[in-house]
Amino acid sequence: MLPDIGAVFGPYTYLASEVAFGTLAVVLLSRAAALRRAAVTVAALYPVAYVWDWYTLTIGVFSIELRTGVDLLGIPVEEHIFMVVVPALVVAFHETIHGRERDDDRGGDGV
């Protein structure tokens, strides 16, 4: 059984999870020197993610219970953060795993 962090954070549960995973993304991106690449990816994906999120929330595909209740542009503020954190975390893992290989392919030292 998983621990119920909702009992600890209440309406800030979703926000707290976004901060935790966002912190992991920033740490990995910094270590991989990929903050700029991640920012470009996030900026490219954000408009599509926003429309998708707004639409699915509007038609009732899902609801978010443990949130602050603060909305921005028609969706919870936590969802805006989610749309930044998820692609940033994907890029962070990709760059952490494959960043050196890419450098080697360009004529690096091959170590």
C-alpha atoms as a PDB file:
ATOM      1  CA  MET A   1       0.000   0.000   0.000  1.00  0.00           C
ATOM      2  CA  LEU A   2       1.276   3.468  -0.897  1.00  0.00           C
ATOM      3  CA  PRO A   3       1.588   6.200   1.720  1.00  0.00           C
ATOM      4  CA  ASP A   4      -1.221   8.784   1.631  1.00  0.00           C
ATOM      5  CA  ILE A   5       0.650  12.035   1.109  1.00  0.00           C
ATOM      6  CA  GLY A   6      -2.742  13.700   0.554  1.00  0.00           C
ATOM      7  CA  ALA A   7      -3.292  13.457   4.306  1.00  0.00           C
ATOM      8  CA  VAL A   8      -0.114  15.490   4.806  1.00  0.00           C
ATOM      9  CA  PHE A   9      -0.330  18.064   2.013  1.00  0.00           C
ATOM     10  CA  GLY A  10      -4.120  18.279   1.563  1.00  0.00           C
ATOM     11  CA  PRO A  11      -5.010  20.690  -1.247  1.00  0.00           C
ATOM     12  CA  TYR A  12      -1.301  21.223  -1.952  1.00  0.00           C
ATOM     13  CA  THR A  13      -0.638  17.548  -2.744  1.00  0.00           C
ATOM     14  CA  TYR A  14      -0.538  17.937  -6.532  1.00  0.00           C
ATOM     15  CA  LEU A  15       1.573  21.079  -6.255  1.00  0.00           C
ATOM     16  CA  ALA A  16       4.009  19.365  -3.868  1.00  0.00           C
ATOM     17  CA  SER A  17       4.439  16.441  -6.244  1.00  0.00           C
ATOM     18  CA  GLU A  18       5.091  18.816  -9.141  1.00  0.00           C
ATOM     19  CA  VAL A  19       7.728  20.666  -7.108  1.00  0.00           C
ATOM     20  CA  ALA A  20       9.431  17.374  -6.180  1.00  0.00           C
ATOM     21  CA  PHE A  21       9.556  16.026  -9.735  1.00  0.00           C
ATOM     22  CA  GLY A  22      10.366  19.475 -11.134  1.00  0.00           C
ATOM     23  CA  THR A  23      13.333  19.680  -8.789  1.00  0.00           C
ATOM     24  CA  LEU A  24      14.538  16.300 -10.019  1.00  0.00           C
ATOM     25  CA  ALA A  25      14.213  17.534 -13.619  1.00  0.00           C
ATOM     26  CA  VAL A  26      16.215  20.701 -12.931  1.00  0.00           C
ATOM     27  CA  VAL A  27      18.970  18.775 -11.139  1.00  0.00           C
ATOM     28  CA  LEU A  28      19.307  16.245 -13.968  1.00  0.00           C
ATOM     29  CA  LEU A  29      19.138  18.932 -16.666  1.00  0.00           C
ATOM     30  CA  SER A  30      21.809  20.968 -14.907  1.00  0.00           C
ATOM     31  CA  ARG A  31      24.099  17.952 -14.583  1.00  0.00           C
ATOM     32  CA  ALA A  32      23.590  17.146 -18.276  1.00  0.00           C
ATOM     33  CA  ALA A  33      24.030  20.807 -19.319  1.00  0.00           C
ATOM     34  CA  ALA A  34      20.668  20.569 -21.081  1.00  0.00           C
ATOM     35  CA  LEU A  35      18.586  23.336 -19.514  1.00  0.00           C
ATOM     36  CA  ARG A  36      18.398  25.268 -22.776  1.00  0.00           C
ATOM     37  CA  ARG A  37      17.417  22.208 -24.851  1.00  0.00           C
ATOM     38  CA  ALA A  38      14.716  21.357 -22.338  1.00  0.00           C
ATOM     39  CA  ALA A  39      13.375  24.915 -22.386  1.00  0.00           C
ATOM     40  CA  VAL A  40      13.057  24.810 -26.177  1.00  0.00           C
ATOM     41  CA  THR A  41      11.265  21.459 -26.014  1.00  0.00           C
ATOM     42  CA  VAL A  42       8.889  22.665 -23.295  1.00  0.00           C
ATOM     43  CA  ALA A  43       8.108  25.845 -25.244  1.00  0.00           C
ATOM     44  CA  ALA A  44       7.343  23.832 -28.377  1.00  0.00           C
ATOM     45  CA  LEU A  45       5.087  21.331 -26.577  1.00  0.00           C
ATOM     46  CA  TYR A  46       3.319  23.701 -24.199  1.00  0.00           C
ATOM     47  CA  PRO A  47       0.637  25.085 -26.574  1.00  0.00           C
ATOM     48  CA  VAL A  48      -0.433  21.602 -27.658  1.00  0.00           C
ATOM     49  CA  ALA A  49      -0.397  20.342 -24.068  1.00  0.00           C
ATOM     50  CA  TYR A  50      -2.455  23.339 -22.920  1.00  0.00           C
ATOM     51  CA  VAL A  51      -5.189  22.803 -25.522  1.00  0.00           C
ATOM     52  CA  TRP A  52      -5.242  19.059 -24.847  1.00  0.00           C
ATOM     53  CA  ASP A  53      -5.437  19.600 -21.079  1.00  0.00           C
ATOM     54  CA  TRP A  54      -8.076  22.315 -21.286  1.00  0.00           C
ATOM     55  CA  TYR A  55     -10.215  20.185 -23.571  1.00  0.00           C
ATOM     56  CA  THR A  56     -10.022  17.002 -21.502  1.00  0.00           C
ATOM     57  CA  LEU A  57     -10.775  18.874 -18.279  1.00  0.00           C
ATOM     58  CA  THR A  58     -13.657  20.722 -19.944  1.00  0.00           C
ATOM     59  CA  ILE A  59     -15.372  17.574 -21.203  1.00  0.00           C
ATOM     60  CA  GLY A  60     -14.801  15.788 -17.896  1.00  0.00           C
ATOM     61  CA  VAL A  61     -12.243  13.147 -18.855  1.00  0.00           C
ATOM     62  CA  PHE A  62     -10.623  13.607 -15.461  1.00  0.00           C
ATOM     63  CA  SER A  63     -10.788  15.812 -12.404  1.00  0.00           C
ATOM     64  CA  ILE A  64      -8.126  16.864  -9.935  1.00  0.00           C
ATOM     65  CA  GLU A  65      -9.128  16.535  -6.300  1.00  0.00           C
ATOM     66  CA  LEU A  66      -6.042  17.465  -4.267  1.00  0.00           C
ATOM     67  CA  ARG A  67      -5.227  20.855  -5.770  1.00  0.00           C
ATOM     68  CA  THR A  68      -5.055  24.450  -4.613  1.00  0.00           C
ATOM     69  CA  GLY A  69      -8.167  25.550  -6.480  1.00  0.00           C
ATOM     70  CA  VAL A  70      -6.270  28.299  -8.298  1.00  0.00           C
ATOM     71  CA  ASP A  71      -7.053  28.385 -12.015  1.00  0.00           C
ATOM     72  CA  LEU A  72      -5.094  30.168 -14.715  1.00  0.00           C
ATOM     73  CA  LEU A  73      -6.435  30.474 -18.268  1.00  0.00           C
ATOM     74  CA  GLY A  74      -9.184  27.955 -17.553  1.00  0.00           C
ATOM     75  CA  ILE A  75      -7.138  25.145 -16.017  1.00  0.00           C
ATOM     76  CA  PRO A  76      -5.589  24.510 -12.589  1.00  0.00           C
ATOM     77  CA  VAL A  77      -2.241  26.161 -12.014  1.00  0.00           C
ATOM     78  CA  GLU A  78      -0.869  22.719 -11.163  1.00  0.00           C
ATOM     79  CA  GLU A  79      -1.635  21.561 -14.700  1.00  0.00           C
ATOM     80  CA  HIS A  80       0.457  24.400 -16.138  1.00  0.00           C
ATOM     81  CA  ILE A  81       3.335  23.244 -13.962  1.00  0.00           C
ATOM     82  CA  PHE A  82       2.714  19.630 -15.038  1.00  0.00           C
ATOM     83  CA  MET A  83       2.991  20.682 -18.698  1.00  0.00           C
ATOM     84  CA  VAL A  84       6.444  22.083 -17.959  1.00  0.00           C
ATOM     85  CA  VAL A  85       7.687  19.356 -15.612  1.00  0.00           C
ATOM     86  CA  VAL A  86       6.798  16.292 -17.691  1.00  0.00           C
ATOM     87  CA  PRO A  87       8.657  17.198 -20.903  1.00  0.00           C
ATOM     88  CA  ALA A  88      11.518  18.660 -18.859  1.00  0.00           C
ATOM     89  CA  LEU A  89      11.836  15.388 -16.965  1.00  0.00           C
ATOM     90  CA  VAL A  90      11.733  13.372 -20.192  1.00  0.00           C
ATOM     91  CA  VAL A  91      14.490  15.526 -21.708  1.00  0.00           C
ATOM     92  CA  ALA A  92      16.430  15.312 -18.433  1.00  0.00           C
ATOM     93  CA  PHE A  93      16.414  11.523 -18.453  1.00  0.00           C
ATOM     94  CA  HIS A  94      17.204  11.389 -22.173  1.00  0.00           C
ATOM     95  CA  GLU A  95      20.135  13.763 -21.835  1.00  0.00           C
ATOM     96  CA  THR A  96      21.387  12.030 -18.697  1.00  0.00           C
ATOM     97  CA  ILE A  97      21.306   8.638 -20.416  1.00  0.00           C
ATOM     98  CA  HIS A  98      22.296   9.573 -23.968  1.00  0.00           C
ATOM     99  CA  GLY A  99      23.973  12.977 -23.811  1.00  0.00           C
ATOM    100  CA  ARG A 100      27.523  11.616 -23.697  1.00  0.00           C
ATOM    101  CA  GLU A 101      26.823   9.124 -26.501  1.00  0.00           C
ATOM    102  CA  ARG A 102      25.687  11.978 -28.727  1.00  0.00           C
ATOM    103  CA  ASP A 103      28.890  13.900 -27.953  1.00  0.00           C
ATOM    104  CA  ASP A 104      30.959  10.796 -28.757  1.00  0.00           C
ATOM    105  CA  ASP A 105      29.192  10.407 -32.114  1.00  0.00           C
ATOM    106  CA  ARG A 106      30.371  13.911 -33.006  1.00  0.00           C
ATOM    107  CA  GLY A 107      34.025  13.018 -32.578  1.00  0.00           C
ATOM    108  CA  GLY A 108      34.419  13.123 -28.824  1.00  0.00           C
ATOM    109  CA  ASP A 109      37.059  11.173 -26.977  1.00  0.00           C
ATOM    110  CA  GLY A 110      34.989   7.962 -27.026  1.00  0.00           C
ATOM    111  CA  VAL A 111      35.404   7.288 -23.306  1.00  0.00           C
END
